[in-house]
Amino acid sequence: MFDTYQQIFDKRAHSYHKAMRDFPRARKAEFGWVVHYLNMKVGDVICDVPSGGGYLQGFVNEKQCFFNSIETSQCFASFNVDGPLNKTHVCSFEHLVLENQSVDCLVCLAALHHVENR
């Protein structure tokens, strides 16, 4: 059986973060398409799940969006820096810690294949 997302990224978080730090534009096209289709506006609340180290934020031109960064791996979440426009939450994909109707956009770029009950 496959490892869970949390188990995979507890093991891979440091090497993945190093790669993203060393080559910050390696996923430019991928993140760029996400940002393009979301059409974010000032004041939007974005839920990025899984957020990894918060990499999506670096591709968002609209700097007045608030990010709820959801991560299952505490190790990976440790690279995500909280601030006035970002709050990191560590929880499972199945039990998100957000209130109903509390986000404007939800991004799930690369994790659903790790979730059994989609």
PDB file of N, CA and C in Angstrom:
ATOM      1  N   MET A   1       0.842  -1.187   0.000  1.00  0.00           N
ATOM      2  CA  MET A   1       0.000   0.000   0.000  1.00  0.00           C
ATOM      3  C   MET A   1       0.885   1.248   0.000  1.00  0.00           C
ATOM      4  N   PHE A   2       0.384   2.312  -0.624  1.00  0.00           N
ATOM      5  CA  PHE A   2       1.131   3.560  -0.675  1.00  0.00           C
ATOM      6  C   PHE A   2       1.172   4.222   0.690  1.00  0.00           C
ATOM      7  N   ASP A   3       2.231   4.960   0.951  1.00  0.00           N
ATOM      8  CA  ASP A   3       2.290   5.771   2.150  1.00  0.00           C
ATOM      9  C   ASP A   3       1.270   6.896   2.037  1.00  0.00           C
ATOM     10  N   THR A   4       0.873   7.436   3.158  1.00  0.00           N
ATOM     11  CA  THR A   4      -0.011   8.596   3.126  1.00  0.00           C
ATOM     12  C   THR A   4       0.794   9.821   2.722  1.00  0.00           C
ATOM     13  N   TYR A   5       0.104  10.875   2.324  1.00  0.00           N
ATOM     14  CA  TYR A   5       0.772  12.126   1.990  1.00  0.00           C
ATOM     15  C   TYR A   5       1.644  12.569   3.158  1.00  0.00           C
ATOM     16  N   GLN A   6       1.087  12.514   4.363  1.00  0.00           N
ATOM     17  CA  GLN A   6       1.837  12.941   5.539  1.00  0.00           C
ATOM     18  C   GLN A   6       3.126  12.138   5.696  1.00  0.00           C
ATOM     19  N   GLN A   7       3.060  10.832   5.567  1.00  0.00           N
ATOM     20  CA  GLN A   7       4.252   9.990   5.707  1.00  0.00           C
ATOM     21  C   GLN A   7       5.276  10.296   4.613  1.00  0.00           C
ATOM     22  N   ILE A   8       4.792  10.467   3.397  1.00  0.00           N
ATOM     23  CA  ILE A   8       5.683  10.768   2.277  1.00  0.00           C
ATOM     24  C   ILE A   8       6.419  12.079   2.519  1.00  0.00           C
ATOM     25  N   PHE A   9       5.681  13.121   2.923  1.00  0.00           N
ATOM     26  CA  PHE A   9       6.324  14.422   3.067  1.00  0.00           C
ATOM     27  C   PHE A   9       7.006  14.625   4.409  1.00  0.00           C
ATOM     28  N   ASP A  10       6.719  13.810   5.385  1.00  0.00           N
ATOM     29  CA  ASP A  10       7.566  13.812   6.578  1.00  0.00           C
ATOM     30  C   ASP A  10       8.964  13.340   6.191  1.00  0.00           C
ATOM     31  N   LYS A  11       9.043  12.422   5.229  1.00  0.00           N
ATOM     32  CA  LYS A  11      10.336  11.911   4.751  1.00  0.00           C
ATOM     33  C   LYS A  11      10.992  12.859   3.738  1.00  0.00           C
ATOM     34  N   ARG A  12      10.199  13.472   2.863  1.00  0.00           N
ATOM     35  CA  ARG A  12      10.736  14.238   1.735  1.00  0.00           C
ATOM     36  C   ARG A  12      10.780  15.750   1.934  1.00  0.00           C
ATOM     37  N   ALA A  13      10.220  16.257   2.996  1.00  0.00           N
ATOM     38  CA  ALA A  13      10.046  17.708   3.145  1.00  0.00           C
ATOM     39  C   ALA A  13      11.347  18.484   2.994  1.00  0.00           C
ATOM     40  N   HIS A  14      12.399  18.045   3.645  1.00  0.00           N
ATOM     41  CA  HIS A  14      13.659  18.798   3.600  1.00  0.00           C
ATOM     42  C   HIS A  14      14.250  18.821   2.195  1.00  0.00           C
ATOM     43  N   SER A  15      14.265  17.689   1.507  1.00  0.00           N
ATOM     44  CA  SER A  15      14.843  17.665   0.161  1.00  0.00           C
ATOM     45  C   SER A  15      13.960  18.431  -0.831  1.00  0.00           C
ATOM     46  N   TYR A  16      12.640  18.345  -0.669  1.00  0.00           N
ATOM     47  CA  TYR A  16      11.736  19.084  -1.550  1.00  0.00           C
ATOM     48  C   TYR A  16      11.904  20.588  -1.333  1.00  0.00           C
ATOM     49  N   HIS A  17      11.956  20.998  -0.078  1.00  0.00           N
ATOM     50  CA  HIS A  17      12.113  22.418   0.225  1.00  0.00           C
ATOM     51  C   HIS A  17      13.447  22.944  -0.301  1.00  0.00           C
ATOM     52  N   LYS A  18      14.489  22.144  -0.166  1.00  0.00           N
ATOM     53  CA  LYS A  18      15.796  22.554  -0.703  1.00  0.00           C
ATOM     54  C   LYS A  18      15.714  22.746  -2.214  1.00  0.00           C
ATOM     55  N   ALA A  19      15.056  21.837  -2.904  1.00  0.00           N
ATOM     56  CA  ALA A  19      14.911  21.966  -4.358  1.00  0.00           C
ATOM     57  C   ALA A  19      14.124  23.227  -4.720  1.00  0.00           C
ATOM     58  N   MET A  20      13.054  23.501  -3.983  1.00  0.00           N
ATOM     59  CA  MET A  20      12.262  24.705  -4.270  1.00  0.00           C
ATOM     60  C   MET A  20      13.053  25.974  -3.947  1.00  0.00           C
ATOM     61  N   ARG A  21      13.883  25.929  -2.934  1.00  0.00           N
ATOM     62  CA  ARG A  21      14.720  27.076  -2.584  1.00  0.00           C
ATOM     63  C   ARG A  21      15.825  27.272  -3.622  1.00  0.00           C
ATOM     64  N   ASP A  22      16.446  26.172  -4.077  1.00  0.00           N
ATOM     65  CA  ASP A  22      17.544  26.262  -5.045  1.00  0.00           C
ATOM     66  C   ASP A  22      17.058  26.596  -6.452  1.00  0.00           C
ATOM     67  N   PHE A  23      15.836  26.155  -6.780  1.00  0.00           N
ATOM     68  CA  PHE A  23      15.271  26.377  -8.118  1.00  0.00           C
ATOM     69  C   PHE A  23      13.850  26.917  -7.988  1.00  0.00           C
ATOM     70  N   PRO A  24      13.700  28.150  -7.492  1.00  0.00           N
ATOM     71  CA  PRO A  24      12.374  28.676  -7.150  1.00  0.00           C
ATOM     72  C   PRO A  24      11.415  28.812  -8.329  1.00  0.00           C
ATOM     73  N   ARG A  25      11.903  28.837  -9.534  1.00  0.00           N
ATOM     74  CA  ARG A  25      11.027  29.001 -10.694  1.00  0.00           C
ATOM     75  C   ARG A  25      10.813  27.692 -11.458  1.00  0.00           C
ATOM     76  N   ALA A  26      11.233  26.573 -10.892  1.00  0.00           N
ATOM     77  CA  ALA A  26      11.096  25.278 -11.572  1.00  0.00           C
ATOM     78  C   ALA A  26       9.639  24.936 -11.848  1.00  0.00           C
ATOM     79  N   ARG A  27       8.741  25.366 -10.992  1.00  0.00           N
ATOM     80  CA  ARG A  27       7.313  25.062 -11.174  1.00  0.00           C
ATOM     81  C   ARG A  27       6.524  26.317 -11.579  1.00  0.00           C
ATOM     82  N   LYS A  28       7.222  27.270 -12.201  1.00  0.00           N
ATOM     83  CA  LYS A  28       6.605  28.548 -12.570  1.00  0.00           C
ATOM     84  C   LYS A  28       5.359  28.358 -13.435  1.00  0.00           C
ATOM     85  N   ALA A  29       5.419  27.547 -14.465  1.00  0.00           N
ATOM     86  CA  ALA A  29       4.272  27.354 -15.358  1.00  0.00           C
ATOM     87  C   ALA A  29       3.099  26.730 -14.606  1.00  0.00           C
ATOM     88  N   GLU A  30       3.390  25.726 -13.796  1.00  0.00           N
ATOM     89  CA  GLU A  30       2.344  25.031 -13.043  1.00  0.00           C
ATOM     90  C   GLU A  30       1.618  25.985 -12.091  1.00  0.00           C
ATOM     91  N   PHE A  31       2.378  26.717 -11.270  1.00  0.00           N
ATOM     92  CA  PHE A  31       1.763  27.667 -10.349  1.00  0.00           C
ATOM     93  C   PHE A  31       1.114  28.827 -11.103  1.00  0.00           C
ATOM     94  N   GLY A  32       1.737  29.238 -12.208  1.00  0.00           N
ATOM     95  CA  GLY A  32       1.191  30.338 -13.005  1.00  0.00           C
ATOM     96  C   GLY A  32      -0.202  30.041 -13.541  1.00  0.00           C
ATOM     97  N   TRP A  33      -0.426  28.822 -14.011  1.00  0.00           N
ATOM     98  CA  TRP A  33      -1.752  28.454 -14.504  1.00  0.00           C
ATOM     99  C   TRP A  33      -2.781  28.462 -13.380  1.00  0.00           C
ATOM    100  N   VAL A  34      -2.399  27.983 -12.218  1.00  0.00           N
ATOM    101  CA  VAL A  34      -3.311  27.991 -11.067  1.00  0.00           C
ATOM    102  C   VAL A  34      -3.720  29.426 -10.742  1.00  0.00           C
ATOM    103  N   VAL A  35      -2.746  30.301 -10.639  1.00  0.00           N
ATOM    104  CA  VAL A  35      -3.027  31.702 -10.312  1.00  0.00           C
ATOM    105  C   VAL A  35      -3.894  32.344 -11.392  1.00  0.00           C
ATOM    106  N   HIS A  36      -3.597  32.058 -12.639  1.00  0.00           N
ATOM    107  CA  HIS A  36      -4.375  32.613 -13.748  1.00  0.00           C
ATOM    108  C   HIS A  36      -5.851  32.229 -13.650  1.00  0.00           C
ATOM    109  N   TYR A  37      -6.119  30.960 -13.424  1.00  0.00           N
ATOM    110  CA  TYR A  37      -7.499  30.488 -13.392  1.00  0.00           C
ATOM    111  C   TYR A  37      -8.249  30.879 -12.127  1.00  0.00           C
ATOM    112  N   LEU A  38      -7.540  31.128 -11.049  1.00  0.00           N
ATOM    113  CA  LEU A  38      -8.215  31.555  -9.818  1.00  0.00           C
ATOM    114  C   LEU A  38      -8.700  32.992  -9.906  1.00  0.00           C
ATOM    115  N   ASN A  39      -7.996  33.826 -10.687  1.00  0.00           N
ATOM    116  CA  ASN A  39      -8.388  35.221 -10.844  1.00  0.00           C
ATOM    117  C   ASN A  39      -8.609  35.883  -9.474  1.00  0.00           C
ATOM    118  N   MET A  40      -7.592  35.831  -8.639  1.00  0.00           N
ATOM    119  CA  MET A  40      -7.680  36.355  -7.274  1.00  0.00           C
ATOM    120  C   MET A  40      -7.849  37.862  -7.261  1.00  0.00           C
ATOM    121  N   LYS A  41      -8.591  38.324  -6.241  1.00  0.00           N
ATOM    122  CA  LYS A  41      -8.837  39.756  -6.068  1.00  0.00           C
ATOM    123  C   LYS A  41      -8.389  40.179  -4.669  1.00  0.00           C
ATOM    124  N   VAL A  42      -8.180  41.473  -4.495  1.00  0.00           N
ATOM    125  CA  VAL A  42      -7.838  42.016  -3.186  1.00  0.00           C
ATOM    126  C   VAL A  42      -8.860  41.538  -2.167  1.00  0.00           C
ATOM    127  N   GLY A  43      -8.389  41.040  -1.050  1.00  0.00           N
ATOM    128  CA  GLY A  43      -9.258  40.598   0.030  1.00  0.00           C
ATOM    129  C   GLY A  43      -9.690  39.149  -0.044  1.00  0.00           C
ATOM    130  N   ASP A  44      -9.401  38.459  -1.149  1.00  0.00           N
ATOM    131  CA  ASP A  44      -9.779  37.048  -1.252  1.00  0.00           C
ATOM    132  C   ASP A  44      -9.058  36.221  -0.184  1.00  0.00           C
ATOM    133  N   VAL A  45      -9.764  35.205   0.302  1.00  0.00           N
ATOM    134  CA  VAL A  45      -9.180  34.244   1.235  1.00  0.00           C
ATOM    135  C   VAL A  45      -8.945  32.963   0.442  1.00  0.00           C
ATOM    136  N   ILE A  46      -7.688  32.569   0.368  1.00  0.00           N
ATOM    137  CA  ILE A  46      -7.274  31.413  -0.412  1.00  0.00           C
ATOM    138  C   ILE A  46      -6.944  30.267   0.551  1.00  0.00           C
ATOM    139  N   CYS A  47      -7.443  29.083   0.252  1.00  0.00           N
ATOM    140  CA  CYS A  47      -7.072  27.893   1.005  1.00  0.00           C
ATOM    141  C   CYS A  47      -6.184  27.060   0.094  1.00  0.00           C
ATOM    142  N   ASP A  48      -4.934  26.919   0.476  1.00  0.00           N
ATOM    143  CA  ASP A  48      -3.954  26.152  -0.289  1.00  0.00           C
ATOM    144  C   ASP A  48      -3.704  24.848   0.452  1.00  0.00           C
ATOM    145  N   VAL A  49      -4.202  23.742  -0.137  1.00  0.00           N
ATOM    146  CA  VAL A  49      -4.112  22.443   0.533  1.00  0.00           C
ATOM    147  C   VAL A  49      -3.658  21.377  -0.451  1.00  0.00           C
ATOM    148  N   PRO A  50      -2.537  20.779  -0.325  1.00  0.00           N
ATOM    149  CA  PRO A  50      -1.519  20.998   0.689  1.00  0.00           C
ATOM    150  C   PRO A  50      -0.639  22.179   0.292  1.00  0.00           C
ATOM    151  N   SER A  51      -0.197  22.902   1.247  1.00  0.00           N
ATOM    152  CA  SER A  51       0.557  24.124   0.963  1.00  0.00           C
ATOM    153  C   SER A  51       2.057  23.917   0.896  1.00  0.00           C
ATOM    154  N   GLY A  52       2.539  22.769   1.387  1.00  0.00           N
ATOM    155  CA  GLY A  52       3.987  22.582   1.406  1.00  0.00           C
ATOM    156  C   GLY A  52       4.630  23.706   2.188  1.00  0.00           C
ATOM    157  N   GLY A  53       5.590  24.331   1.591  1.00  0.00           N
ATOM    158  CA  GLY A  53       6.286  25.450   2.223  1.00  0.00           C
ATOM    159  C   GLY A  53       5.708  26.794   1.852  1.00  0.00           C
ATOM    160  N   GLY A  54       4.475  26.820   1.354  1.00  0.00           N
ATOM    161  CA  GLY A  54       3.836  28.087   0.988  1.00  0.00           C
ATOM    162  C   GLY A  54       4.289  28.644  -0.343  1.00  0.00           C
ATOM    163  N   TYR A  55       4.693  27.771  -1.246  1.00  0.00           N
ATOM    164  CA  TYR A  55       5.300  28.202  -2.510  1.00  0.00           C
ATOM    165  C   TYR A  55       4.331  28.948  -3.424  1.00  0.00           C
ATOM    166  N   LEU A  56       3.059  28.602  -3.400  1.00  0.00           N
ATOM    167  CA  LEU A  56       2.074  29.268  -4.263  1.00  0.00           C
ATOM    168  C   LEU A  56       2.062  30.770  -4.031  1.00  0.00           C
ATOM    169  N   GLN A  57       2.227  31.190  -2.798  1.00  0.00           N
ATOM    170  CA  GLN A  57       2.176  32.622  -2.477  1.00  0.00           C
ATOM    171  C   GLN A  57       3.196  33.436  -3.256  1.00  0.00           C
ATOM    172  N   GLY A  58       4.334  32.835  -3.567  1.00  0.00           N
ATOM    173  CA  GLY A  58       5.368  33.540  -4.319  1.00  0.00           C
ATOM    174  C   GLY A  58       4.990  33.827  -5.761  1.00  0.00           C
ATOM    175  N   PHE A  59       3.924  33.214  -6.238  1.00  0.00           N
ATOM    176  CA  PHE A  59       3.494  33.391  -7.625  1.00  0.00           C
ATOM    177  C   PHE A  59       2.235  34.255  -7.732  1.00  0.00           C
ATOM    178  N   VAL A  60       1.724  34.709  -6.601  1.00  0.00           N
ATOM    179  CA  VAL A  60       0.497  35.511  -6.588  1.00  0.00           C
ATOM    180  C   VAL A  60       0.869  36.984  -6.650  1.00  0.00           C
ATOM    181  N   ASN A  61       0.392  37.666  -7.694  1.00  0.00           N
ATOM    182  CA  ASN A  61       0.672  39.092  -7.835  1.00  0.00           C
ATOM    183  C   ASN A  61      -0.131  39.922  -6.850  1.00  0.00           C
ATOM    184  N   GLU A  62      -1.317  39.440  -6.529  1.00  0.00           N
ATOM    185  CA  GLU A  62      -2.185  40.173  -5.622  1.00  0.00           C
ATOM    186  C   GLU A  62      -1.718  39.926  -4.189  1.00  0.00           C
ATOM    187  N   LYS A  63      -1.000  40.858  -3.631  1.00  0.00           N
ATOM    188  CA  LYS A  63      -0.396  40.667  -2.315  1.00  0.00           C
ATOM    189  C   LYS A  63      -1.360  40.967  -1.167  1.00  0.00           C
ATOM    190  N   GLN A  64      -2.602  41.269  -1.469  1.00  0.00           N
ATOM    191  CA  GLN A  64      -3.574  41.522  -0.410  1.00  0.00           C
ATOM    192  C   GLN A  64      -4.564  40.378  -0.257  1.00  0.00           C
ATOM    193  N   CYS A  65      -4.161  39.185  -0.648  1.00  0.00           N
ATOM    194  CA  CYS A  65      -4.962  37.983  -0.422  1.00  0.00           C
ATOM    195  C   CYS A  65      -4.484  37.341   0.877  1.00  0.00           C
ATOM    196  N   PHE A  66      -5.405  36.723   1.590  1.00  0.00           N
ATOM    197  CA  PHE A  66      -5.055  36.010   2.807  1.00  0.00           C
ATOM    198  C   PHE A  66      -5.009  34.519   2.502  1.00  0.00           C
ATOM    199  N   PHE A  67      -3.965  33.844   2.949  1.00  0.00           N
ATOM    200  CA  PHE A  67      -3.796  32.413   2.704  1.00  0.00           C
ATOM    201  C   PHE A  67      -4.021  31.614   3.973  1.00  0.00           C
ATOM    202  N   ASN A  68      -4.896  30.631   3.885  1.00  0.00           N
ATOM    203  CA  ASN A  68      -4.984  29.571   4.873  1.00  0.00           C
ATOM    204  C   ASN A  68      -4.194  28.420   4.271  1.00  0.00           C
ATOM    205  N   SER A  69      -3.022  28.190   4.802  1.00  0.00           N
ATOM    206  CA  SER A  69      -2.132  27.163   4.271  1.00  0.00           C
ATOM    207  C   SER A  69      -2.334  25.891   5.079  1.00  0.00           C
ATOM    208  N   ILE A  70      -2.857  24.862   4.415  1.00  0.00           N
ATOM    209  CA  ILE A  70      -3.159  23.594   5.072  1.00  0.00           C
ATOM    210  C   ILE A  70      -2.076  22.580   4.714  1.00  0.00           C
ATOM    211  N   GLU A  71      -1.549  21.927   5.713  1.00  0.00           N
ATOM    212  CA  GLU A  71      -0.516  20.918   5.485  1.00  0.00           C
ATOM    213  C   GLU A  71      -0.726  19.779   6.478  1.00  0.00           C
ATOM    214  N   THR A  72      -0.523  18.541   6.032  1.00  0.00           N
ATOM    215  CA  THR A  72      -0.642  17.404   6.944  1.00  0.00           C
ATOM    216  C   THR A  72       0.696  17.068   7.594  1.00  0.00           C
ATOM    217  N   SER A  73       1.779  17.416   6.950  1.00  0.00           N
ATOM    218  CA  SER A  73       3.113  17.109   7.457  1.00  0.00           C
ATOM    219  C   SER A  73       3.634  18.294   8.279  1.00  0.00           C
ATOM    220  N   GLN A  74       3.812  18.088   9.567  1.00  0.00           N
ATOM    221  CA  GLN A  74       4.369  19.139  10.432  1.00  0.00           C
ATOM    222  C   GLN A  74       5.738  19.560   9.930  1.00  0.00           C
ATOM    223  N   CYS A  75       6.510  18.602   9.454  1.00  0.00           N
ATOM    224  CA  CYS A  75       7.844  18.898   8.929  1.00  0.00           C
ATOM    225  C   CYS A  75       7.746  19.860   7.749  1.00  0.00           C
ATOM    226  N   PHE A  76       6.857  19.571   6.800  1.00  0.00           N
ATOM    227  CA  PHE A  76       6.693  20.440   5.633  1.00  0.00           C
ATOM    228  C   PHE A  76       6.108  21.788   6.041  1.00  0.00           C
ATOM    229  N   ALA A  77       5.145  21.776   6.950  1.00  0.00           N
ATOM    230  CA  ALA A  77       4.517  23.023   7.401  1.00  0.00           C
ATOM    231  C   ALA A  77       5.529  23.950   8.067  1.00  0.00           C
ATOM    232  N   SER A  78       6.577  23.406   8.631  1.00  0.00           N
ATOM    233  CA  SER A  78       7.574  24.235   9.323  1.00  0.00           C
ATOM    234  C   SER A  78       8.288  25.199   8.376  1.00  0.00           C
ATOM    235  N   PHE A  79       8.233  24.944   7.075  1.00  0.00           N
ATOM    236  CA  PHE A  79       8.857  25.840   6.100  1.00  0.00           C
ATOM    237  C   PHE A  79       7.923  26.974   5.685  1.00  0.00           C
ATOM    238  N   ASN A  80       6.674  26.893   6.051  1.00  0.00           N
ATOM    239  CA  ASN A  80       5.674  27.889   5.685  1.00  0.00           C
ATOM    240  C   ASN A  80       5.661  28.975   6.747  1.00  0.00           C
ATOM    241  N   VAL A  81       5.983  30.195   6.381  1.00  0.00           N
ATOM    242  CA  VAL A  81       6.119  31.289   7.333  1.00  0.00           C
ATOM    243  C   VAL A  81       4.784  32.000   7.515  1.00  0.00           C
ATOM    244  N   ASP A  82       4.276  31.981   8.741  1.00  0.00           N
ATOM    245  CA  ASP A  82       3.041  32.706   9.041  1.00  0.00           C
ATOM    246  C   ASP A  82       3.322  34.199   9.131  1.00  0.00           C
ATOM    247  N   GLY A  83       2.306  34.969   8.819  1.00  0.00           N
ATOM    248  CA  GLY A  83       2.415  36.422   8.884  1.00  0.00           C
ATOM    249  C   GLY A  83       1.034  37.020   8.794  1.00  0.00           C
ATOM    250  N   PRO A  84       0.948  38.325   8.560  1.00  0.00           N
ATOM    251  CA  PRO A  84      -0.359  38.987   8.519  1.00  0.00           C
ATOM    252  C   PRO A  84      -1.284  38.444   7.427  1.00  0.00           C
ATOM    253  N   LEU A  85      -0.705  37.882   6.358  1.00  0.00           N
ATOM    254  CA  LEU A  85      -1.522  37.391   5.251  1.00  0.00           C
ATOM    255  C   LEU A  85      -1.454  35.874   5.092  1.00  0.00           C
ATOM    256  N   ASN A  86      -0.929  35.178   6.090  1.00  0.00           N
ATOM    257  CA  ASN A  86      -0.840  33.717   6.001  1.00  0.00           C
ATOM    258  C   ASN A  86      -0.945  33.088   7.381  1.00  0.00           C
ATOM    259  N   LYS A  87      -1.752  32.054   7.460  1.00  0.00           N
ATOM    260  CA  LYS A  87      -1.857  31.235   8.668  1.00  0.00           C
ATOM    261  C   LYS A  87      -1.735  29.785   8.240  1.00  0.00           C
ATOM    262  N   THR A  88      -0.793  29.070   8.838  1.00  0.00           N
ATOM    263  CA  THR A  88      -0.577  27.664   8.528  1.00  0.00           C
ATOM    264  C   THR A  88      -1.338  26.801   9.519  1.00  0.00           C
ATOM    265  N   HIS A  89      -2.032  25.813   8.995  1.00  0.00           N
ATOM    266  CA  HIS A  89      -2.778  24.861   9.806  1.00  0.00           C
ATOM    267  C   HIS A  89      -2.241  23.462   9.498  1.00  0.00           C
ATOM    268  N   VAL A  90      -1.998  22.670  10.519  1.00  0.00           N
ATOM    269  CA  VAL A  90      -1.580  21.284  10.330  1.00  0.00           C
ATOM    270  C   VAL A  90      -2.768  20.413  10.715  1.00  0.00           C
ATOM    271  N   CYS A  91      -3.271  19.673   9.729  1.00  0.00           N
ATOM    272  CA  CYS A  91      -4.426  18.803   9.955  1.00  0.00           C
ATOM    273  C   CYS A  91      -4.501  17.800   8.808  1.00  0.00           C
ATOM    274  N   SER A  92      -5.428  16.869   8.905  1.00  0.00           N
ATOM    275  CA  SER A  92      -5.595  15.897   7.820  1.00  0.00           C
ATOM    276  C   SER A  92      -6.433  16.516   6.709  1.00  0.00           C
ATOM    277  N   PHE A  93      -6.327  15.953   5.524  1.00  0.00           N
ATOM    278  CA  PHE A  93      -7.146  16.418   4.402  1.00  0.00           C
ATOM    279  C   PHE A  93      -8.623  16.165   4.664  1.00  0.00           C
ATOM    280  N   GLU A  94      -8.905  15.119   5.404  1.00  0.00           N
ATOM    281  CA  GLU A  94     -10.293  14.739   5.660  1.00  0.00           C
ATOM    282  C   GLU A  94     -10.952  15.584   6.744  1.00  0.00           C
ATOM    283  N   HIS A  95     -10.166  16.286   7.549  1.00  0.00           N
ATOM    284  CA  HIS A  95     -10.708  17.079   8.653  1.00  0.00           C
ATOM    285  C   HIS A  95     -10.090  18.482   8.653  1.00  0.00           C
ATOM    286  N   LEU A  96     -10.433  19.252   7.643  1.00  0.00           N
ATOM    287  CA  LEU A  96      -9.893  20.608   7.538  1.00  0.00           C
ATOM    288  C   LEU A  96     -10.374  21.451   8.710  1.00  0.00           C
ATOM    289  N   VAL A  97      -9.526  22.358   9.161  1.00  0.00           N
ATOM    290  CA  VAL A  97      -9.808  23.151  10.350  1.00  0.00           C
ATOM    291  C   VAL A  97     -10.485  24.483  10.026  1.00  0.00           C
ATOM    292  N   LEU A  98     -11.082  24.586   8.865  1.00  0.00           N
ATOM    293  CA  LEU A  98     -11.692  25.852   8.451  1.00  0.00           C
ATOM    294  C   LEU A  98     -13.206  25.817   8.631  1.00  0.00           C
ATOM    295  N   GLU A  99     -13.762  26.977   8.898  1.00  0.00           N
ATOM    296  CA  GLU A  99     -15.208  27.112   9.015  1.00  0.00           C
ATOM    297  C   GLU A  99     -15.837  27.037   7.621  1.00  0.00           C
ATOM    298  N   ASN A 100     -17.075  26.561   7.560  1.00  0.00           N
ATOM    299  CA  ASN A 100     -17.812  26.550   6.293  1.00  0.00           C
ATOM    300  C   ASN A 100     -17.901  27.960   5.741  1.00  0.00           C
ATOM    301  N   GLN A 101     -17.792  28.088   4.434  1.00  0.00           N
ATOM    302  CA  GLN A 101     -17.911  29.343   3.698  1.00  0.00           C
ATOM    303  C   GLN A 101     -16.890  30.397   4.142  1.00  0.00           C
ATOM    304  N   SER A 102     -15.698  29.954   4.578  1.00  0.00           N
ATOM    305  CA  SER A 102     -14.695  30.900   5.059  1.00  0.00           C
ATOM    306  C   SER A 102     -13.599  31.194   4.038  1.00  0.00           C
ATOM    307  N   VAL A 103     -13.670  30.598   2.839  1.00  0.00           N
ATOM    308  CA  VAL A 103     -12.659  30.843   1.819  1.00  0.00           C
ATOM    309  C   VAL A 103     -13.326  31.217   0.498  1.00  0.00           C
ATOM    310  N   ASP A 104     -12.598  31.983  -0.301  1.00  0.00           N
ATOM    311  CA  ASP A 104     -13.078  32.362  -1.631  1.00  0.00           C
ATOM    312  C   ASP A 104     -12.575  31.412  -2.705  1.00  0.00           C
ATOM    313  N   CYS A 105     -11.365  30.909  -2.531  1.00  0.00           N
ATOM    314  CA  CYS A 105     -10.751  30.000  -3.506  1.00  0.00           C
ATOM    315  C   CYS A 105     -10.058  28.863  -2.774  1.00  0.00           C
ATOM    316  N   LEU A 106     -10.228  27.670  -3.313  1.00  0.00           N
ATOM    317  CA  LEU A 106      -9.552  26.495  -2.763  1.00  0.00           C
ATOM    318  C   LEU A 106      -8.623  25.944  -3.831  1.00  0.00           C
ATOM    319  N   VAL A 107      -7.365  25.745  -3.460  1.00  0.00           N
ATOM    320  CA  VAL A 107      -6.373  25.193  -4.373  1.00  0.00           C
ATOM    321  C   VAL A 107      -5.897  23.866  -3.807  1.00  0.00           C
ATOM    322  N   CYS A 108      -5.982  22.835  -4.629  1.00  0.00           N
ATOM    323  CA  CYS A 108      -5.403  21.538  -4.275  1.00  0.00           C
ATOM    324  C   CYS A 108      -4.625  21.093  -5.508  1.00  0.00           C
ATOM    325  N   LEU A 109      -3.373  21.491  -5.540  1.00  0.00           N
ATOM    326  CA  LEU A 109      -2.571  21.322  -6.749  1.00  0.00           C
ATOM    327  C   LEU A 109      -2.069  19.899  -6.960  1.00  0.00           C
ATOM    328  N   ALA A 110      -1.592  19.258  -5.917  1.00  0.00           N
ATOM    329  CA  ALA A 110      -0.966  17.953  -6.150  1.00  0.00           C
ATOM    330  C   ALA A 110      -1.036  17.065  -4.915  1.00  0.00           C
ATOM    331  N   ALA A 111      -2.239  16.645  -4.558  1.00  0.00           N
ATOM    332  CA  ALA A 111      -2.331  15.768  -3.387  1.00  0.00           C
ATOM    333  C   ALA A 111      -3.511  14.815  -3.414  1.00  0.00           C
ATOM    334  N   LEU A 112      -4.505  15.084  -4.213  1.00  0.00           N
ATOM    335  CA  LEU A 112      -5.713  14.260  -4.155  1.00  0.00           C
ATOM    336  C   LEU A 112      -5.444  12.788  -4.419  1.00  0.00           C
ATOM    337  N   HIS A 113      -4.411  12.484  -5.168  1.00  0.00           N
ATOM    338  CA  HIS A 113      -4.091  11.082  -5.420  1.00  0.00           C
ATOM    339  C   HIS A 113      -3.602  10.377  -4.144  1.00  0.00           C
ATOM    340  N   HIS A 114      -3.327  11.131  -3.078  1.00  0.00           N
ATOM    341  CA  HIS A 114      -2.928  10.554  -1.796  1.00  0.00           C
ATOM    342  C   HIS A 114      -4.109  10.402  -0.834  1.00  0.00           C
ATOM    343  N   VAL A 115      -5.280  10.865  -1.238  1.00  0.00           N
ATOM    344  CA  VAL A 115      -6.450  10.854  -0.350  1.00  0.00           C
ATOM    345  C   VAL A 115      -7.365   9.696  -0.738  1.00  0.00           C
ATOM    346  N   GLU A 116      -7.650   8.839   0.231  1.00  0.00           N
ATOM    347  CA  GLU A 116      -8.510   7.682  -0.060  1.00  0.00           C
ATOM    348  C   GLU A 116      -9.964   8.086  -0.304  1.00  0.00           C
ATOM    349  N   ASN A 117     -10.530   8.918   0.552  1.00  0.00           N
ATOM    350  CA  ASN A 117     -11.924   9.306   0.433  1.00  0.00           C
ATOM    351  C   ASN A 117     -12.004  10.742  -0.087  1.00  0.00           C
ATOM    352  N   ARG A 118     -11.913  10.859  -1.406  1.00  0.00           N
ATOM    353  CA  ARG A 118     -11.923  12.187  -2.019  1.00  0.00           C
ATOM    354  C   ARG A 118     -13.280  12.839  -1.902  1.00  0.00           C
TER     355      ARG A 118
END
